[in-house]
Structures are given as structure tokens and as C-alpha cells.
Amino acid sequence: MTSTRRSECPAGPNENGTGRLQTLGKDPNSAYLKLISTFAEKTGTPVVLNTSFNENEPIVESPEQALDCFFRTAMDAVVVENTLVQRQPVEAAA
């Protein structure tokens, strides 16, 4: 990952600056490619971090486990199959 992109995605590289980068072909039917393209359009960063999805437990393996982990943690959003689940912003007390 170049230093330019590293600043946009600081959680991506390992401590020593290396990483397991994966690239995608231009398959127009790829849901993952569409996700990355849409994210890039909205943010200017064509990177999606794919990491082990869990919190002090075995890796999530089902939609039910993904939602359980989402509701127990401070994640902003999770995509389960074709559905985006987002936290509502908490309004500051007046």
C-alpha cells in the first residue's frame, strides 16, 4: 500500500507496513466490486478493509452472529447479505 493510500486507510497495513492486499478483476457481476466502487464514489478511497469479523469469540459465520456482534459492539454499520444496518447517531444532550 502506498504511503498516499496508507493515510486513507490506517487500519489496513500491519505494524511493519506490510499487508495482504487483494485485487479484483473487472467482473461487472461482482457484488464485492460494486461495493468497493460505490464506496470509492462516496469517499474517494477505493479500499474496503476485510478483517476477521468477531469480538473475543470465534469468527462470525452467519447473519445472526453478525447482527449479534453488531449490537454488542460500537460498529457504525454492518452489511448482512443485501441489507445495510446502520446505527442511528446519538444526539448530544442539550
N, C-alpha and C. Protein backbone atom coordinates (compact mmCIF):
# COMPACT_ATOMS: atom_id res chain seq x y z
N MET A 1 0.86 -1.16 0.00
CA MET A 1 0.00 0.00 0.00
C MET A 1 0.91 1.23 0.00
N THR A 2 0.66 2.13 -0.92
CA THR A 2 1.49 3.34 -0.99
C THR A 2 1.23 4.22 0.22
N SER A 3 2.18 5.09 0.51
CA SER A 3 2.00 5.97 1.67
C SER A 3 0.80 6.88 1.49
N THR A 4 0.46 7.22 0.24
CA THR A 4 -0.73 8.04 -0.02
C THR A 4 -1.98 7.31 0.44
N ARG A 5 -2.13 6.09 0.06
CA ARG A 5 -3.30 5.30 0.44
C ARG A 5 -3.24 4.89 1.90
N ARG A 6 -2.06 4.70 2.46
CA ARG A 6 -1.92 4.28 3.84
C ARG A 6 -2.58 5.30 4.78
N SER A 7 -2.44 6.58 4.48
CA SER A 7 -3.06 7.59 5.34
C SER A 7 -4.58 7.57 5.25
N GLU A 8 -5.12 7.08 4.13
CA GLU A 8 -6.58 6.99 3.96
C GLU A 8 -7.16 5.77 4.66
N CYS A 9 -6.33 4.78 4.88
CA CYS A 9 -6.79 3.52 5.46
C CYS A 9 -5.77 3.03 6.49
N PRO A 10 -5.63 3.76 7.60
CA PRO A 10 -4.57 3.44 8.56
C PRO A 10 -4.70 2.06 9.22
N ALA A 11 -5.89 1.48 9.23
CA ALA A 11 -6.06 0.17 9.85
C ALA A 11 -5.65 -0.97 8.92
N GLY A 12 -5.38 -0.67 7.66
CA GLY A 12 -5.08 -1.70 6.68
C GLY A 12 -3.74 -2.40 6.85
N PRO A 13 -2.65 -1.64 6.89
CA PRO A 13 -1.34 -2.30 6.96
C PRO A 13 -1.01 -2.83 8.35
N ASN A 14 -0.14 -3.84 8.35
CA ASN A 14 0.39 -4.34 9.61
C ASN A 14 1.32 -3.28 10.20
N GLU A 15 1.78 -3.51 11.42
CA GLU A 15 2.65 -2.55 12.08
C GLU A 15 3.91 -2.25 11.27
N ASN A 16 4.40 -3.24 10.53
CA ASN A 16 5.62 -3.04 9.75
C ASN A 16 5.34 -2.50 8.35
N GLY A 17 4.10 -2.10 8.07
CA GLY A 17 3.75 -1.52 6.78
C GLY A 17 3.37 -2.51 5.70
N THR A 18 3.45 -3.80 5.99
CA THR A 18 3.06 -4.81 5.01
C THR A 18 1.58 -5.11 5.15
N GLY A 19 1.05 -5.85 4.20
CA GLY A 19 -0.35 -6.25 4.26
C GLY A 19 -0.63 -7.35 3.26
N ARG A 20 -1.79 -7.93 3.36
CA ARG A 20 -2.24 -8.94 2.40
C ARG A 20 -3.26 -8.30 1.49
N LEU A 21 -2.78 -7.55 0.55
CA LEU A 21 -3.68 -6.86 -0.37
C LEU A 21 -4.26 -7.84 -1.37
N GLN A 22 -5.52 -7.64 -1.70
CA GLN A 22 -6.18 -8.45 -2.70
C GLN A 22 -6.80 -7.52 -3.72
N THR A 23 -6.71 -7.90 -4.98
CA THR A 23 -7.30 -7.10 -6.04
C THR A 23 -8.41 -7.89 -6.71
N LEU A 24 -9.30 -7.18 -7.37
CA LEU A 24 -10.42 -7.81 -8.06
C LEU A 24 -10.32 -7.55 -9.54
N GLY A 25 -10.80 -8.49 -10.32
CA GLY A 25 -10.92 -8.29 -11.76
C GLY A 25 -12.11 -7.39 -12.04
N LYS A 26 -12.34 -7.10 -13.29
CA LYS A 26 -13.43 -6.18 -13.69
C LYS A 26 -14.72 -6.91 -14.00
N ASP A 27 -15.02 -8.00 -13.30
CA ASP A 27 -16.27 -8.73 -13.50
C ASP A 27 -17.44 -7.83 -13.10
N PRO A 28 -18.26 -7.40 -14.07
CA PRO A 28 -19.35 -6.47 -13.76
C PRO A 28 -20.43 -7.06 -12.86
N ASN A 29 -20.45 -8.37 -12.68
CA ASN A 29 -21.45 -9.00 -11.83
C ASN A 29 -20.97 -9.22 -10.41
N SER A 30 -19.76 -8.78 -10.11
CA SER A 30 -19.19 -8.98 -8.78
C SER A 30 -19.82 -8.02 -7.77
N ALA A 31 -20.53 -8.56 -6.80
CA ALA A 31 -21.14 -7.72 -5.76
C ALA A 31 -20.06 -7.01 -4.96
N TYR A 32 -18.93 -7.68 -4.73
CA TYR A 32 -17.84 -7.07 -3.96
C TYR A 32 -17.22 -5.90 -4.73
N LEU A 33 -17.06 -6.06 -6.05
CA LEU A 33 -16.53 -4.97 -6.87
C LEU A 33 -17.49 -3.78 -6.85
N LYS A 34 -18.78 -4.05 -6.92
CA LYS A 34 -19.78 -2.97 -6.84
C LYS A 34 -19.71 -2.26 -5.50
N LEU A 35 -19.51 -3.01 -4.42
CA LEU A 35 -19.39 -2.42 -3.09
C LEU A 35 -18.19 -1.48 -3.03
N ILE A 36 -17.04 -1.95 -3.50
CA ILE A 36 -15.82 -1.13 -3.46
C ILE A 36 -15.98 0.10 -4.35
N SER A 37 -16.57 -0.07 -5.53
CA SER A 37 -16.76 1.05 -6.45
C SER A 37 -17.68 2.11 -5.84
N THR A 38 -18.76 1.68 -5.22
CA THR A 38 -19.70 2.61 -4.60
C THR A 38 -19.03 3.32 -3.42
N PHE A 39 -18.27 2.58 -2.62
CA PHE A 39 -17.55 3.18 -1.50
C PHE A 39 -16.56 4.23 -2.02
N ALA A 40 -15.87 3.91 -3.11
CA ALA A 40 -14.90 4.85 -3.70
C ALA A 40 -15.59 6.11 -4.19
N GLU A 41 -16.75 5.97 -4.81
CA GLU A 41 -17.50 7.13 -5.29
C GLU A 41 -17.89 8.05 -4.13
N LYS A 42 -18.28 7.47 -3.01
CA LYS A 42 -18.75 8.26 -1.87
C LYS A 42 -17.61 8.85 -1.04
N THR A 43 -16.47 8.16 -0.98
CA THR A 43 -15.40 8.58 -0.08
C THR A 43 -14.12 9.01 -0.78
N GLY A 44 -13.95 8.61 -2.04
CA GLY A 44 -12.69 8.87 -2.73
C GLY A 44 -11.62 7.85 -2.44
N THR A 45 -11.92 6.86 -1.63
CA THR A 45 -10.95 5.81 -1.27
C THR A 45 -11.45 4.47 -1.79
N PRO A 46 -10.77 3.89 -2.79
CA PRO A 46 -11.22 2.63 -3.36
C PRO A 46 -10.70 1.41 -2.59
N VAL A 47 -10.91 1.42 -1.28
CA VAL A 47 -10.40 0.35 -0.43
C VAL A 47 -11.49 -0.05 0.55
N VAL A 48 -11.69 -1.33 0.71
CA VAL A 48 -12.57 -1.85 1.75
C VAL A 48 -11.73 -2.81 2.57
N LEU A 49 -11.69 -2.58 3.87
CA LEU A 49 -10.90 -3.42 4.76
C LEU A 49 -11.71 -4.66 5.11
N ASN A 50 -11.15 -5.81 4.82
CA ASN A 50 -11.79 -7.08 5.12
C ASN A 50 -10.98 -7.73 6.22
N THR A 51 -11.56 -7.89 7.37
CA THR A 51 -10.83 -8.45 8.50
C THR A 51 -11.68 -9.54 9.14
N SER A 52 -11.10 -10.25 10.07
CA SER A 52 -11.87 -11.23 10.81
C SER A 52 -12.98 -10.50 11.55
N PHE A 53 -14.17 -10.99 11.43
CA PHE A 53 -15.33 -10.33 12.00
C PHE A 53 -15.71 -11.05 13.28
N ASN A 54 -15.27 -10.49 14.40
CA ASN A 54 -15.60 -11.06 15.70
C ASN A 54 -15.12 -10.11 16.78
N GLU A 55 -15.51 -10.39 17.99
CA GLU A 55 -15.01 -9.66 19.14
C GLU A 55 -14.84 -10.66 20.29
N ASN A 56 -13.60 -11.07 20.49
CA ASN A 56 -13.27 -12.02 21.56
C ASN A 56 -14.11 -13.29 21.50
N GLU A 57 -14.32 -13.80 20.30
CA GLU A 57 -15.10 -15.01 20.09
C GLU A 57 -14.69 -15.61 18.75
N PRO A 58 -15.18 -16.79 18.41
CA PRO A 58 -14.87 -17.33 17.07
C PRO A 58 -15.39 -16.40 15.98
N ILE A 59 -14.81 -16.50 14.79
CA ILE A 59 -15.20 -15.65 13.66
C ILE A 59 -16.68 -15.84 13.34
N VAL A 60 -17.34 -14.75 13.05
CA VAL A 60 -18.76 -14.76 12.69
C VAL A 60 -18.97 -15.61 11.44
N GLU A 61 -19.97 -16.48 11.49
CA GLU A 61 -20.23 -17.38 10.36
C GLU A 61 -21.67 -17.35 9.87
N SER A 62 -22.51 -16.47 10.42
CA SER A 62 -23.91 -16.44 9.98
C SER A 62 -24.45 -15.02 10.12
N PRO A 63 -25.53 -14.70 9.43
CA PRO A 63 -26.16 -13.40 9.60
C PRO A 63 -26.58 -13.13 11.05
N GLU A 64 -27.05 -14.14 11.74
CA GLU A 64 -27.47 -13.97 13.13
C GLU A 64 -26.28 -13.59 14.02
N GLN A 65 -25.15 -14.26 13.80
CA GLN A 65 -23.95 -13.94 14.57
C GLN A 65 -23.44 -12.54 14.23
N ALA A 66 -23.54 -12.15 12.96
CA ALA A 66 -23.10 -10.81 12.54
C ALA A 66 -23.93 -9.74 13.24
N LEU A 67 -25.23 -9.91 13.27
CA LEU A 67 -26.10 -8.93 13.94
C LEU A 67 -25.87 -8.91 15.44
N ASP A 68 -25.66 -10.08 16.04
CA ASP A 68 -25.38 -10.15 17.47
C ASP A 68 -24.10 -9.36 17.78
N CYS A 69 -23.06 -9.55 16.99
CA CYS A 69 -21.79 -8.83 17.19
C CYS A 69 -21.99 -7.33 16.98
N PHE A 70 -22.74 -6.95 15.96
CA PHE A 70 -23.00 -5.54 15.69
C PHE A 70 -23.68 -4.87 16.88
N PHE A 71 -24.71 -5.49 17.42
CA PHE A 71 -25.47 -4.88 18.52
C PHE A 71 -24.68 -4.85 19.83
N ARG A 72 -23.69 -5.73 20.00
CA ARG A 72 -22.89 -5.75 21.22
C ARG A 72 -21.69 -4.81 21.16
N THR A 73 -21.36 -4.31 19.99
CA THR A 73 -20.15 -3.51 19.83
C THR A 73 -20.50 -2.09 19.41
N ALA A 74 -19.47 -1.30 19.14
CA ALA A 74 -19.67 0.09 18.73
C ALA A 74 -19.51 0.26 17.21
N MET A 75 -19.71 -0.80 16.46
CA MET A 75 -19.62 -0.70 15.00
C MET A 75 -20.63 0.32 14.48
N ASP A 76 -20.25 1.03 13.43
CA ASP A 76 -21.15 2.00 12.81
C ASP A 76 -22.20 1.34 11.93
N ALA A 77 -21.79 0.28 11.22
CA ALA A 77 -22.69 -0.36 10.27
C ALA A 77 -22.21 -1.77 9.98
N VAL A 78 -23.12 -2.56 9.47
CA VAL A 78 -22.79 -3.91 9.02
C VAL A 78 -23.70 -4.22 7.83
N VAL A 79 -23.15 -4.92 6.85
CA VAL A 79 -23.95 -5.37 5.71
C VAL A 79 -24.19 -6.86 5.88
N VAL A 80 -25.45 -7.24 5.90
CA VAL A 80 -25.82 -8.64 6.02
C VAL A 80 -26.56 -9.01 4.75
N GLU A 81 -25.92 -9.87 3.96
CA GLU A 81 -26.42 -10.22 2.64
C GLU A 81 -26.64 -8.94 1.84
N ASN A 82 -27.83 -8.56 1.48
CA ASN A 82 -28.05 -7.33 0.70
C ASN A 82 -28.65 -6.20 1.52
N THR A 83 -28.50 -6.27 2.85
CA THR A 83 -29.10 -5.27 3.72
C THR A 83 -28.04 -4.53 4.52
N LEU A 84 -28.09 -3.20 4.49
CA LEU A 84 -27.21 -2.36 5.28
C LEU A 84 -27.90 -2.02 6.58
N VAL A 85 -27.25 -2.32 7.71
CA VAL A 85 -27.78 -1.98 9.02
C VAL A 85 -26.83 -0.93 9.60
N GLN A 86 -27.36 0.25 9.95
CA GLN A 86 -26.55 1.33 10.48
C GLN A 86 -27.06 1.77 11.84
N ARG A 87 -26.15 2.22 12.66
CA ARG A 87 -26.53 2.82 13.94
C ARG A 87 -27.06 4.22 13.70
N GLN A 88 -28.05 4.58 14.45
CA GLN A 88 -28.55 5.96 14.40
C GLN A 88 -27.61 6.83 15.22
N PRO A 89 -27.29 8.02 14.72
CA PRO A 89 -26.42 8.91 15.50
C PRO A 89 -27.08 9.27 16.83
N VAL A 90 -26.29 9.34 17.86
CA VAL A 90 -26.78 9.72 19.18
C VAL A 90 -26.72 11.23 19.26
N GLU A 91 -27.85 11.84 19.58
CA GLU A 91 -27.88 13.30 19.70
C GLU A 91 -27.33 13.73 21.04
N ALA A 92 -26.56 14.79 21.03
CA ALA A 92 -25.96 15.31 22.26
C ALA A 92 -27.06 15.91 23.14
N ALA A 93 -26.88 15.75 24.44
CA ALA A 93 -27.85 16.33 25.39
C ALA A 93 -27.72 17.85 25.39
N ALA A 94 -28.81 18.52 25.47
CA ALA A 94 -28.80 20.00 25.46
C ALA A 94 -28.42 20.58 26.78
